[in-house]
PDB file of N, CA and C in Angstrom:
ATOM      1  N   MET A   1      -0.633  35.715  -1.567  1.00  0.00           N
ATOM      2  CA  MET A   1      -0.783  34.047  -1.007  1.00  0.00           C
ATOM      3  C   MET A   1      -1.933  33.607  -0.454  1.00  0.00           C
ATOM      4  N   LYS A   2      -2.542  33.061  -0.880  1.00  0.00           N
ATOM      5  CA  LYS A   2      -4.068  32.489  -1.134  1.00  0.00           C
ATOM      6  C   LYS A   2      -4.844  32.156   0.059  1.00  0.00           C
ATOM      7  N   LYS A   3      -5.622  33.128   0.287  1.00  0.00           N
ATOM      8  CA  LYS A   3      -6.541  32.761   1.577  1.00  0.00           C
ATOM      9  C   LYS A   3      -7.575  31.662   1.530  1.00  0.00           C
ATOM     10  N   PHE A   4      -7.602  31.108   2.492  1.00  0.00           N
ATOM     11  CA  PHE A   4      -8.072  29.463   2.659  1.00  0.00           C
ATOM     12  C   PHE A   4      -9.241  30.007   3.256  1.00  0.00           C
ATOM     13  N   LYS A   5     -10.615  29.299   2.806  1.00  0.00           N
ATOM     14  CA  LYS A   5     -12.113  29.202   3.542  1.00  0.00           C
ATOM     15  C   LYS A   5     -11.784  28.395   4.830  1.00  0.00           C
ATOM     16  N   LYS A   6     -12.535  28.704   6.023  1.00  0.00           N
ATOM     17  CA  LYS A   6     -12.104  27.974   6.917  1.00  0.00           C
ATOM     18  C   LYS A   6     -13.250  26.676   6.789  1.00  0.00           C
ATOM     19  N   ILE A   7     -12.866  25.336   7.350  1.00  0.00           N
ATOM     20  CA  ILE A   7     -13.765  24.249   7.010  1.00  0.00           C
ATOM     21  C   ILE A   7     -14.834  24.188   8.506  1.00  0.00           C
ATOM     22  N   PRO A   8     -15.841  23.810   8.048  1.00  0.00           N
ATOM     23  CA  PRO A   8     -16.730  24.019   8.856  1.00  0.00           C
ATOM     24  C   PRO A   8     -16.761  22.446   9.758  1.00  0.00           C
ATOM     25  N   LYS A   9     -17.824  22.726  10.949  1.00  0.00           N
ATOM     26  CA  LYS A   9     -17.595  21.960  11.498  1.00  0.00           C
ATOM     27  C   LYS A   9     -18.655  21.011  11.318  1.00  0.00           C
ATOM     28  N   PHE A  10     -19.016  19.590  11.857  1.00  0.00           N
ATOM     29  CA  PHE A  10     -19.642  18.647  11.381  1.00  0.00           C
ATOM     30  C   PHE A  10     -20.186  17.875  11.846  1.00  0.00           C
ATOM     31  N   LYS A  11     -21.270  17.029  12.366  1.00  0.00           N
ATOM     32  CA  LYS A  11     -21.721  16.551  12.888  1.00  0.00           C
ATOM     33  C   LYS A  11     -21.745  14.936  12.781  1.00  0.00           C
ATOM     34  N   ASN A  12     -21.384  14.491  11.478  1.00  0.00           N
ATOM     35  CA  ASN A  12     -21.151  13.402  11.590  1.00  0.00           C
ATOM     36  C   ASN A  12     -20.201  13.099   9.960  1.00  0.00           C
ATOM     37  N   GLU A  13     -20.122  11.980  10.006  1.00  0.00           N
ATOM     38  CA  GLU A  13     -19.208  11.540   8.950  1.00  0.00           C
ATOM     39  C   GLU A  13     -20.176  12.084   7.372  1.00  0.00           C
ATOM     40  N   ASP A  14     -21.656  11.058   7.541  1.00  0.00           N
ATOM     41  CA  ASP A  14     -22.139  11.899   6.389  1.00  0.00           C
ATOM     42  C   ASP A  14     -22.588  13.187   5.851  1.00  0.00           C
ATOM     43  N   GLU A  15     -22.621  13.945   6.954  1.00  0.00           N
ATOM     44  CA  GLU A  15     -22.674  15.210   6.749  1.00  0.00           C
ATOM     45  C   GLU A  15     -21.264  15.620   6.120  1.00  0.00           C
ATOM     46  N   GLU A  16     -19.774  15.097   6.715  1.00  0.00           N
ATOM     47  CA  GLU A  16     -18.908  15.764   5.699  1.00  0.00           C
ATOM     48  C   GLU A  16     -18.500  14.776   4.204  1.00  0.00           C
ATOM     49  N   ARG A  17     -18.915  13.766   4.292  1.00  0.00           N
ATOM     50  CA  ARG A  17     -18.315  13.437   3.118  1.00  0.00           C
ATOM     51  C   ARG A  17     -19.540  14.202   2.483  1.00  0.00           C
ATOM     52  N   GLU A  18     -20.664  14.319   2.431  1.00  0.00           N
ATOM     53  CA  GLU A  18     -21.882  15.391   1.417  1.00  0.00           C
ATOM     54  C   GLU A  18     -20.780  16.509   1.165  1.00  0.00           C
ATOM     55  N   PHE A  19     -20.354  17.219   2.206  1.00  0.00           N
ATOM     56  CA  PHE A  19     -19.734  18.761   1.474  1.00  0.00           C
ATOM     57  C   PHE A  19     -18.423  18.603   1.207  1.00  0.00           C
ATOM     58  N   TRP A  20     -17.769  17.244   1.289  1.00  0.00           N
ATOM     59  CA  TRP A  20     -16.730  17.007   0.400  1.00  0.00           C
ATOM     60  C   TRP A  20     -17.256  17.105  -1.389  1.00  0.00           C
ATOM     61  N   ALA A  21     -18.067  16.301  -0.974  1.00  0.00           N
ATOM     62  CA  ALA A  21     -18.647  15.660  -2.517  1.00  0.00           C
ATOM     63  C   ALA A  21     -18.787  16.954  -3.394  1.00  0.00           C
ATOM     64  N   ALA A  22     -19.116  18.256  -2.288  1.00  0.00           N
ATOM     65  CA  ALA A  22     -19.833  19.179  -3.265  1.00  0.00           C
ATOM     66  C   ALA A  22     -18.855  20.748  -3.493  1.00  0.00           C
ATOM     67  N   HIS A  23     -17.515  20.479  -2.510  1.00  0.00           N
ATOM     68  CA  HIS A  23     -16.734  21.700  -2.331  1.00  0.00           C
ATOM     69  C   HIS A  23     -15.464  20.826  -2.661  1.00  0.00           C
ATOM     70  N   ASP A  24     -14.549  21.944  -3.355  1.00  0.00           N
ATOM     71  CA  ASP A  24     -13.361  21.673  -3.554  1.00  0.00           C
ATOM     72  C   ASP A  24     -12.261  22.009  -2.811  1.00  0.00           C
ATOM     73  N   SER A  25     -11.577  20.765  -2.319  1.00  0.00           N
ATOM     74  CA  SER A  25     -10.807  20.702  -1.188  1.00  0.00           C
ATOM     75  C   SER A  25      -9.616  21.918  -1.371  1.00  0.00           C
ATOM     76  N   THR A  26      -9.159  22.354  -2.315  1.00  0.00           N
ATOM     77  CA  THR A  26      -8.008  23.388  -3.035  1.00  0.00           C
ATOM     78  C   THR A  26      -8.348  24.950  -2.500  1.00  0.00           C
ATOM     79  N   ASP A  27      -9.873  25.227  -1.862  1.00  0.00           N
ATOM     80  CA  ASP A  27     -10.130  26.516  -1.565  1.00  0.00           C
ATOM     81  C   ASP A  27     -10.024  25.857   0.311  1.00  0.00           C
ATOM     82  N   TYR A  28      -9.553  24.872   0.600  1.00  0.00           N
ATOM     83  CA  TYR A  28      -9.424  24.881   1.889  1.00  0.00           C
ATOM     84  C   TYR A  28      -8.390  24.283   2.123  1.00  0.00           C
ATOM     85  N   PHE A  29      -7.420  24.232   1.566  1.00  0.00           N
ATOM     86  CA  PHE A  29      -6.287  23.577   2.063  1.00  0.00           C
ATOM     87  C   PHE A  29      -5.052  23.455   0.933  1.00  0.00           C
ATOM     88  N   ASP A  30      -3.927  24.005   1.467  1.00  0.00           N
ATOM     89  CA  ASP A  30      -2.704  24.052   0.709  1.00  0.00           C
ATOM     90  C   ASP A  30      -1.815  22.943   0.680  1.00  0.00           C
ATOM     91  N   TRP A  31      -2.356  22.300  -0.695  1.00  0.00           N
ATOM     92  CA  TRP A  31      -1.656  21.085  -0.897  1.00  0.00           C
ATOM     93  C   TRP A  31      -0.329  21.039  -1.054  1.00  0.00           C
ATOM     94  N   SER A  32      -0.018  22.093  -2.076  1.00  0.00           N
ATOM     95  CA  SER A  32       1.339  22.308  -2.250  1.00  0.00           C
ATOM     96  C   SER A  32       2.439  22.049  -0.612  1.00  0.00           C
ATOM     97  N   LYS A  33       1.930  22.062   0.182  1.00  0.00           N
ATOM     98  CA  LYS A  33       2.402  21.753   1.917  1.00  0.00           C
ATOM     99  C   LYS A  33       2.047  20.569   2.259  1.00  0.00           C
ATOM    100  N   ALA A  34       1.231  19.845   1.815  1.00  0.00           N
ATOM    101  CA  ALA A  34       0.652  18.397   2.286  1.00  0.00           C
ATOM    102  C   ALA A  34       1.966  17.439   2.271  1.00  0.00           C
ATOM    103  N   GLN A  35       1.650  16.473   3.105  1.00  0.00           N
ATOM    104  CA  GLN A  35       3.106  15.647   3.901  1.00  0.00           C
ATOM    105  C   GLN A  35       1.846  13.976   3.764  1.00  0.00           C
ATOM    106  N   ARG A  36       2.845  12.977   3.460  1.00  0.00           N
ATOM    107  CA  ARG A  36       2.029  11.847   3.302  1.00  0.00           C
ATOM    108  C   ARG A  36       1.838  11.400   5.089  1.00  0.00           C
ATOM    109  N   PRO A  37       0.526  11.304   5.654  1.00  0.00           N
ATOM    110  CA  PRO A  37       0.773  10.461   6.659  1.00  0.00           C
ATOM    111  C   PRO A  37       1.467   9.346   7.630  1.00  0.00           C
ATOM    112  N   VAL A  38       2.110   9.002   8.412  1.00  0.00           N
ATOM    113  CA  VAL A  38       2.959   7.863   9.016  1.00  0.00           C
ATOM    114  C   VAL A  38       2.073   7.633   9.575  1.00  0.00           C
ATOM    115  N   PHE A  39       1.907   5.890   9.666  1.00  0.00           N
ATOM    116  CA  PHE A  39       0.749   4.814  10.516  1.00  0.00           C
ATOM    117  C   PHE A  39       2.349   3.696  11.011  1.00  0.00           C
ATOM    118  N   PRO A  40       2.695   3.814  12.005  1.00  0.00           N
ATOM    119  CA  PRO A  40       3.637   2.646  12.188  1.00  0.00           C
ATOM    120  C   PRO A  40       2.743   1.753  12.702  1.00  0.00           C
ATOM    121  N   ASN A  41       2.003   1.799  13.808  1.00  0.00           N
ATOM    122  CA  ASN A  41       1.415   0.850  14.311  1.00  0.00           C
ATOM    123  C   ASN A  41       0.130   0.005  13.526  1.00  0.00           C
ATOM    124  N   LEU A  42       0.088   0.575  12.482  1.00  0.00           N
ATOM    125  CA  LEU A  42      -0.528  -0.064  11.634  1.00  0.00           C
ATOM    126  C   LEU A  42      -0.193  -1.526  10.605  1.00  0.00           C
ATOM    127  N   LYS A  43      -0.932  -2.349  11.255  1.00  0.00           N
ATOM    128  CA  LYS A  43      -0.166  -3.862  10.186  1.00  0.00           C
ATOM    129  C   LYS A  43      -0.997  -3.616   8.886  1.00  0.00           C
ATOM    130  N   PRO A  44      -0.206  -4.092   7.728  1.00  0.00           N
ATOM    131  CA  PRO A  44      -0.510  -4.123   6.762  1.00  0.00           C
ATOM    132  C   PRO A  44      -1.619  -5.448   6.469  1.00  0.00           C
ATOM    133  N   THR A  45      -2.742  -5.347   5.505  1.00  0.00           N
ATOM    134  CA  THR A  45      -3.573  -5.892   5.773  1.00  0.00           C
ATOM    135  C   THR A  45      -2.987  -6.735   4.564  1.00  0.00           C
ATOM    136  N   SER A  46      -3.715  -8.488   4.517  1.00  0.00           N
ATOM    137  CA  SER A  46      -3.169  -9.137   3.451  1.00  0.00           C
ATOM    138  C   SER A  46      -4.538 -10.263   3.377  1.00  0.00           C
ATOM    139  N   GLN A  47      -4.255 -10.984   2.289  1.00  0.00           N
ATOM    140  CA  GLN A  47      -5.581 -11.816   1.696  1.00  0.00           C
ATOM    141  C   GLN A  47      -4.795 -12.926   1.309  1.00  0.00           C
ATOM    142  N   MET A  48      -5.873 -14.141   1.835  1.00  0.00           N
ATOM    143  CA  MET A  48      -5.113 -14.712   1.436  1.00  0.00           C
ATOM    144  C   MET A  48      -5.599 -15.412  -0.495  1.00  0.00           C
ATOM    145  N   ILE A  49      -4.728 -16.133  -0.908  1.00  0.00           N
ATOM    146  CA  ILE A  49      -4.494 -16.113  -2.408  1.00  0.00           C
ATOM    147  C   ILE A  49      -4.483 -18.161  -2.379  1.00  0.00           C
ATOM    148  N   SER A  50      -4.878 -18.422  -3.168  1.00  0.00           N
ATOM    149  CA  SER A  50      -4.177 -19.762  -4.288  1.00  0.00           C
ATOM    150  C   SER A  50      -3.716 -19.530  -5.297  1.00  0.00           C
ATOM    151  N   LEU A  51      -2.310 -20.137  -5.038  1.00  0.00           N
ATOM    152  CA  LEU A  51      -0.896 -19.805  -5.964  1.00  0.00           C
ATOM    153  C   LEU A  51      -0.521 -21.584  -6.411  1.00  0.00           C
ATOM    154  N   ARG A  52      -0.830 -21.875  -7.569  1.00  0.00           N
ATOM    155  CA  ARG A  52       0.010 -23.195  -7.819  1.00  0.00           C
ATOM    156  C   ARG A  52       1.194 -22.821  -8.618  1.00  0.00           C
ATOM    157  N   LEU A  53       2.144 -23.603  -7.924  1.00  0.00           N
ATOM    158  CA  LEU A  53       3.598 -23.986  -8.449  1.00  0.00           C
ATOM    159  C   LEU A  53       3.896 -25.045  -8.450  1.00  0.00           C
ATOM    160  N   PRO A  54       5.021 -25.472  -9.879  1.00  0.00           N
ATOM    161  CA  PRO A  54       5.436 -26.533 -10.219  1.00  0.00           C
ATOM    162  C   PRO A  54       6.365 -26.991  -8.558  1.00  0.00           C
ATOM    163  N   LEU A  55       6.021 -28.484  -8.720  1.00  0.00           N
ATOM    164  CA  LEU A  55       6.453 -28.879  -7.485  1.00  0.00           C
ATOM    165  C   LEU A  55       7.863 -28.820  -7.176  1.00  0.00           C
ATOM    166  N   GLY A  56       9.231 -28.603  -8.111  1.00  0.00           N
ATOM    167  CA  GLY A  56      10.093 -28.671  -7.835  1.00  0.00           C
ATOM    168  C   GLY A  56      10.393 -27.320  -7.706  1.00  0.00           C
ATOM    169  N   THR A  57       9.933 -26.136  -7.870  1.00  0.00           N
ATOM    170  CA  THR A  57       9.986 -25.054  -7.550  1.00  0.00           C
ATOM    171  C   THR A  57       9.247 -24.853  -5.732  1.00  0.00           C
ATOM    172  N   LEU A  58       8.486 -25.120  -5.359  1.00  0.00           N
ATOM    173  CA  LEU A  58       7.883 -25.073  -4.060  1.00  0.00           C
ATOM    174  C   LEU A  58       9.012 -26.323  -3.090  1.00  0.00           C
ATOM    175  N   ASP A  59       9.165 -26.914  -3.470  1.00  0.00           N
ATOM    176  CA  ASP A  59      10.546 -27.872  -2.916  1.00  0.00           C
ATOM    177  C   ASP A  59      11.829 -27.093  -2.897  1.00  0.00           C
ATOM    178  N   ARG A  60      12.208 -26.508  -3.889  1.00  0.00           N
ATOM    179  CA  ARG A  60      13.311 -25.549  -3.318  1.00  0.00           C
ATOM    180  C   ARG A  60      12.787 -24.626  -2.645  1.00  0.00           C
ATOM    181  N   ILE A  61      11.931 -23.699  -2.245  1.00  0.00           N
ATOM    182  CA  ILE A  61      11.606 -22.443  -1.776  1.00  0.00           C
ATOM    183  C   ILE A  61      11.459 -22.925  -0.668  1.00  0.00           C
ATOM    184  N   LYS A  62      11.131 -24.561   0.164  1.00  0.00           N
ATOM    185  CA  LYS A  62      10.761 -24.943   1.272  1.00  0.00           C
ATOM    186  C   LYS A  62      12.268 -25.511   1.621  1.00  0.00           C
ATOM    187  N   ASP A  63      12.864 -26.096   1.096  1.00  0.00           N
ATOM    188  CA  ASP A  63      14.450 -26.031   1.191  1.00  0.00           C
ATOM    189  C   ASP A  63      15.352 -24.651   2.082  1.00  0.00           C
ATOM    190  N   LEU A  64      14.972 -23.729   1.044  1.00  0.00           N
ATOM    191  CA  LEU A  64      15.606 -22.675   1.329  1.00  0.00           C
ATOM    192  C   LEU A  64      14.931 -21.666   2.444  1.00  0.00           C
ATOM    193  N   ALA A  65      13.633 -21.836   2.868  1.00  0.00           N
ATOM    194  CA  ALA A  65      13.118 -21.600   4.051  1.00  0.00           C
ATOM    195  C   ALA A  65      13.922 -22.183   5.277  1.00  0.00           C
ATOM    196  N   ASN A  66      13.582 -23.514   5.177  1.00  0.00           N
ATOM    197  CA  ASN A  66      14.238 -24.244   6.197  1.00  0.00           C
ATOM    198  C   ASN A  66      15.540 -23.738   6.308  1.00  0.00           C
ATOM    199  N   LYS A  67      16.566 -23.563   5.484  1.00  0.00           N
ATOM    200  CA  LYS A  67      17.869 -23.230   5.603  1.00  0.00           C
ATOM    201  C   LYS A  67      17.653 -21.638   6.449  1.00  0.00           C
ATOM    202  N   LYS A  68      16.997 -20.825   6.336  1.00  0.00           N
ATOM    203  CA  LYS A  68      17.146 -19.755   6.733  1.00  0.00           C
ATOM    204  C   LYS A  68      16.196 -19.276   7.977  1.00  0.00           C
ATOM    205  N   ASP A  69      15.338 -20.846   8.792  1.00  0.00           N
ATOM    206  CA  ASP A  69      14.702 -20.986   9.360  1.00  0.00           C
ATOM    207  C   ASP A  69      13.497 -19.927   9.462  1.00  0.00           C
ATOM    208  N   ILE A  70      12.720 -20.060   8.467  1.00  0.00           N
ATOM    209  CA  ILE A  70      11.409 -19.186   8.699  1.00  0.00           C
ATOM    210  C   ILE A  70      10.800 -20.189   7.385  1.00  0.00           C
ATOM    211  N   PRO A  71       9.048 -19.540   7.595  1.00  0.00           N
ATOM    212  CA  PRO A  71       8.400 -20.164   6.984  1.00  0.00           C
ATOM    213  C   PRO A  71       8.601 -20.305   5.442  1.00  0.00           C
ATOM    214  N   TYR A  72       8.180 -21.670   4.677  1.00  0.00           N
ATOM    215  CA  TYR A  72       8.291 -20.857   3.357  1.00  0.00           C
ATOM    216  C   TYR A  72       7.295 -20.071   2.591  1.00  0.00           C
ATOM    217  N   GLN A  73       5.946 -19.723   3.179  1.00  0.00           N
ATOM    218  CA  GLN A  73       5.083 -18.424   2.852  1.00  0.00           C
ATOM    219  C   GLN A  73       5.707 -17.066   3.154  1.00  0.00           C
ATOM    220  N   SER A  74       6.515 -16.922   4.607  1.00  0.00           N
ATOM    221  CA  SER A  74       7.206 -15.705   4.608  1.00  0.00           C
ATOM    222  C   SER A  74       8.637 -15.782   3.320  1.00  0.00           C
ATOM    223  N   LEU A  75       9.006 -16.586   3.128  1.00  0.00           N
ATOM    224  CA  LEU A  75       9.753 -16.619   2.271  1.00  0.00           C
ATOM    225  C   LEU A  75       9.402 -15.833   0.661  1.00  0.00           C
ATOM    226  N   ILE A  76       7.818 -16.688   0.410  1.00  0.00           N
ATOM    227  CA  ILE A  76       7.882 -16.111  -1.009  1.00  0.00           C
ATOM    228  C   ILE A  76       7.553 -14.639  -0.804  1.00  0.00           C
ATOM    229  N   LYS A  77       7.097 -14.883   0.683  1.00  0.00           N
ATOM    230  CA  LYS A  77       6.189 -13.288   0.590  1.00  0.00           C
ATOM    231  C   LYS A  77       7.565 -12.468   0.481  1.00  0.00           C
ATOM    232  N   ILE A  78       8.563 -12.253   1.176  1.00  0.00           N
ATOM    233  CA  ILE A  78       9.697 -11.713   0.772  1.00  0.00           C
ATOM    234  C   ILE A  78      10.467 -11.675  -0.481  1.00  0.00           C
ATOM    235  N   TYR A  79      10.403 -12.553  -1.014  1.00  0.00           N
ATOM    236  CA  TYR A  79      10.544 -12.552  -2.410  1.00  0.00           C
ATOM    237  C   TYR A  79       9.993 -11.861  -3.288  1.00  0.00           C
ATOM    238  N   LEU A  80       8.239 -11.649  -2.911  1.00  0.00           N
ATOM    239  CA  LEU A  80       7.695 -11.138  -4.014  1.00  0.00           C
ATOM    240  C   LEU A  80       7.893  -9.774  -3.837  1.00  0.00           C
ATOM    241  N   THR A  81       7.807  -9.594  -2.334  1.00  0.00           N
ATOM    242  CA  THR A  81       8.115  -7.785  -2.161  1.00  0.00           C
ATOM    243  C   THR A  81       9.398  -7.561  -2.885  1.00  0.00           C
ATOM    244  N   ARG A  82      10.439  -8.259  -2.925  1.00  0.00           N
ATOM    245  CA  ARG A  82      11.850  -7.773  -3.429  1.00  0.00           C
ATOM    246  C   ARG A  82      11.624  -7.647  -4.936  1.00  0.00           C
ATOM    247  N   GLU A  83      11.148  -8.039  -5.441  1.00  0.00           N
ATOM    248  CA  GLU A  83      10.088  -8.397  -6.649  1.00  0.00           C
ATOM    249  C   GLU A  83       9.788  -6.822  -7.615  1.00  0.00           C
ATOM    250  N   ILE A  84       9.196  -6.478  -6.475  1.00  0.00           N
ATOM    251  CA  ILE A  84       8.342  -5.569  -6.639  1.00  0.00           C
ATOM    252  C   ILE A  84       8.949  -4.151  -6.343  1.00  0.00           C
ATOM    253  N   ALA A  85       9.343  -4.134  -5.646  1.00  0.00           N
ATOM    254  CA  ALA A  85      10.712  -3.055  -5.277  1.00  0.00           C
ATOM    255  C   ALA A  85      11.087  -2.796  -6.592  1.00  0.00           C
ATOM    256  N   LYS A  86      11.831  -3.771  -7.044  1.00  0.00           N
ATOM    257  CA  LYS A  86      12.499  -3.561  -8.264  1.00  0.00           C
ATOM    258  C   LYS A  86      11.840  -3.052  -9.540  1.00  0.00           C
ATOM    259  N   GLU A  87      10.772  -3.604  -9.677  1.00  0.00           N
ATOM    260  CA  GLU A  87      10.101  -2.788 -10.668  1.00  0.00           C
ATOM    261  C   GLU A  87       9.948  -1.784 -10.703  1.00  0.00           C
ATOM    262  N   MET A  88       9.274  -1.292  -9.361  1.00  0.00           N
ATOM    263  CA  MET A  88       8.818  -0.053  -9.369  1.00  0.00           C
ATOM    264  C   MET A  88      10.023   1.149  -9.173  1.00  0.00           C
ATOM    265  N   ASP A  89      11.532   0.532  -8.951  1.00  0.00           N
ATOM    266  CA  ASP A  89      12.035   1.267  -8.974  1.00  0.00           C
ATOM    267  C   ASP A  89      12.711   1.822 -10.364  1.00  0.00           C
ATOM    268  N   TRP A  90      11.842   0.655 -11.959  1.00  0.00           N
ATOM    269  CA  TRP A  90      12.163   0.861 -13.011  1.00  0.00           C
ATOM    270  C   TRP A  90      11.319   1.724 -13.633  1.00  0.00           C
ATOM    271  N   GLY A  91      11.157   2.822 -12.709  1.00  0.00           N
ATOM    272  CA  GLY A  91       9.884   4.023 -13.465  1.00  0.00           C
ATOM    273  C   GLY A  91       8.276   2.935 -12.721  1.00  0.00           C
ATOM    274  N   GLY A  92       8.227   2.604 -12.047  1.00  0.00           N
ATOM    275  CA  GLY A  92       7.093   2.069 -12.065  1.00  0.00           C
ATOM    276  C   GLY A  92       6.103   1.191 -13.116  1.00  0.00           C
ATOM    277  N   HIS A  93       6.796   0.932 -14.309  1.00  0.00           N
ATOM    278  CA  HIS A  93       6.220  -0.111 -15.151  1.00  0.00           C
ATOM    279  C   HIS A  93       6.568  -1.122 -15.205  1.00  0.00           C
ATOM    280  N   TRP A  94       5.086  -2.121 -15.104  1.00  0.00           N
ATOM    281  CA  TRP A  94       5.339  -3.699 -14.734  1.00  0.00           C
ATOM    282  C   TRP A  94       5.853  -4.510 -16.189  1.00  0.00           C
ATOM    283  N   GLN A  95       6.388  -5.351 -16.046  1.00  0.00           N
ATOM    284  CA  GLN A  95       7.591  -6.162 -17.107  1.00  0.00           C
ATOM    285  C   GLN A  95       6.325  -7.006 -17.466  1.00  0.00           C
ATOM    286  N   SER A  96       5.741  -7.505 -18.716  1.00  0.00           N
ATOM    287  CA  SER A  96       5.128  -8.230 -18.713  1.00  0.00           C
ATOM    288  C   SER A  96       5.965  -9.832 -18.184  1.00  0.00           C
ATOM    289  N   LEU A  97       5.376 -10.811 -18.330  1.00  0.00           N
ATOM    290  CA  LEU A  97       5.676 -12.054 -17.738  1.00  0.00           C
ATOM    291  C   LEU A  97       6.280 -12.942 -19.128  1.00  0.00           C
TER     292      LEU A  97
END
């Protein structure tokens, strides 16, 4: 089993950043045992975009959103998220439109 080096104490983030830029983390961590962190209380960041849709499509989305009693922008996000998830299940390759 590999013996890992001890991580030094850093005075500030700049010192830590310089250290990791010059050192290989595999000398300090066993990445095979790493787990993805979970941050349940973080809200996903969002960015406003402008999207042009045919009026008929937008009217149908608004009608569906009204029937579901949710804002139409939320319904669009739901549909986009659902379709992205489907694409990712197909091996992560994006199909061209």
